[in-house]
Amino acid sequence: MSRKGLSGLSSQIKERLIQQALERRLRQADTRPAPFKPELKSTDTPEQYYRFHLHPGYQQLRILNEGAARLGSAYPVPISRCMRAAPG
């Protein structure tokens, strides 16, 4: 088959399609919500939530292990035992 007889889309139609595509992109850009950016301040969160050595559970475990060491126990208190005793 010869393609010489087929000219494809006219330049007017091509220009109109390009313009419609650009307008559609602009409308979509206007309707998209702004991305969520949380404003975190280190002063808003207490240190015990992000400092491991200040966590109440770790402090309890450390106190129990220090007490076991003072009594001469060779076996420190396992973490699972503290977890079982914790409410929740």
Protein backbone atom coordinates (compact mmCIF):
# COMPACT_ATOMS: atom_id res chain seq x y z
CA MET A 1 0.00 0.00 0.00
CA SER A 2 1.22 3.43 -0.81
CA ARG A 3 1.17 6.05 1.96
CA LYS A 4 1.72 8.99 -0.35
CA GLY A 5 -2.00 9.63 -0.52
CA LEU A 6 -2.35 9.78 3.30
CA SER A 7 -1.13 13.02 4.82
CA GLY A 8 -1.97 12.24 8.45
CA LEU A 9 -3.34 14.93 10.74
CA SER A 10 -3.38 18.47 9.52
CA SER A 11 -1.21 21.01 11.28
CA GLN A 12 -4.34 22.75 12.64
CA ILE A 13 -5.58 19.56 14.28
CA LYS A 14 -2.11 18.82 15.70
CA GLU A 15 -1.87 22.33 17.13
CA ARG A 16 -5.35 22.06 18.67
CA LEU A 17 -4.54 18.67 20.27
CA ILE A 18 -1.31 20.04 21.72
CA GLN A 19 -3.16 23.06 23.11
CA GLN A 20 -5.84 20.85 24.69
CA ALA A 21 -3.20 18.63 26.28
CA LEU A 22 -1.42 21.66 27.76
CA GLU A 23 -4.67 23.09 29.11
CA ARG A 24 -5.57 19.73 30.66
CA ARG A 25 -2.18 19.57 32.40
CA LEU A 26 -2.62 23.09 33.78
CA ARG A 27 -6.07 22.26 35.15
CA GLN A 28 -4.75 19.09 36.80
CA ALA A 29 -1.86 21.01 38.34
CA ASP A 30 -4.29 23.55 39.82
CA THR A 31 -6.59 20.93 41.35
CA ARG A 32 -3.90 18.76 42.96
CA PRO A 33 -3.66 19.25 46.73
CA ALA A 34 -0.38 20.45 48.15
CA PRO A 35 1.76 17.64 49.59
CA PHE A 36 1.56 17.20 53.36
CA LYS A 37 4.58 18.58 55.16
CA PRO A 38 4.41 18.05 58.92
CA GLU A 39 6.04 20.71 61.00
CA LEU A 40 7.93 18.83 63.69
CA LYS A 41 9.62 20.64 66.50
CA SER A 42 11.89 18.80 68.86
CA THR A 43 10.48 20.81 71.76
CA ASP A 44 6.98 19.42 71.17
CA THR A 45 7.93 15.78 71.88
CA PRO A 46 9.20 14.74 75.32
CA GLU A 47 12.70 13.24 75.28
CA GLN A 48 11.52 9.96 76.79
CA TYR A 49 9.82 9.16 73.47
CA TYR A 50 12.96 9.37 71.36
CA ARG A 51 15.83 8.83 73.82
CA PHE A 52 16.15 5.13 74.61
CA HIS A 53 18.00 5.62 77.90
CA LEU A 54 15.11 7.80 79.17
CA HIS A 55 12.34 5.33 78.29
CA PRO A 56 10.54 4.18 81.47
CA GLY A 57 10.71 0.51 80.50
CA TYR A 58 14.44 0.68 79.91
CA GLN A 59 14.96 2.49 83.21
CA GLN A 60 13.02 -0.23 85.04
CA LEU A 61 15.09 -2.94 83.39
CA ARG A 62 18.33 -1.11 84.21
CA ILE A 63 17.32 -0.77 87.89
CA LEU A 64 16.46 -4.48 88.09
CA ASN A 65 19.76 -5.46 86.46
CA GLU A 66 21.76 -3.18 88.76
CA GLY A 67 19.97 -4.67 91.78
CA ALA A 68 20.73 -8.20 90.54
CA ALA A 69 24.39 -7.27 90.09
CA ARG A 70 24.59 -5.85 93.66
CA LEU A 71 23.11 -9.07 95.02
CA GLY A 72 25.72 -11.05 93.14
CA SER A 73 23.40 -12.70 90.65
CA ALA A 74 25.19 -13.89 87.54
CA TYR A 75 21.98 -13.73 85.49
CA PRO A 76 20.47 -10.33 84.69
CA VAL A 77 16.71 -9.96 84.44
CA PRO A 78 15.58 -10.97 80.94
CA ILE A 79 13.64 -8.43 78.91
CA SER A 80 10.79 -10.88 78.31
CA ARG A 81 10.13 -11.03 82.04
CA CYS A 82 9.74 -7.27 82.19
CA MET A 83 7.47 -7.30 79.16
CA ARG A 84 5.19 -9.88 80.77
CA ALA A 85 4.93 -7.76 83.91
CA ALA A 86 4.10 -4.61 81.96
CA PRO A 87 0.39 -3.77 81.69
CA GLY A 88 -1.16 -3.65 78.28
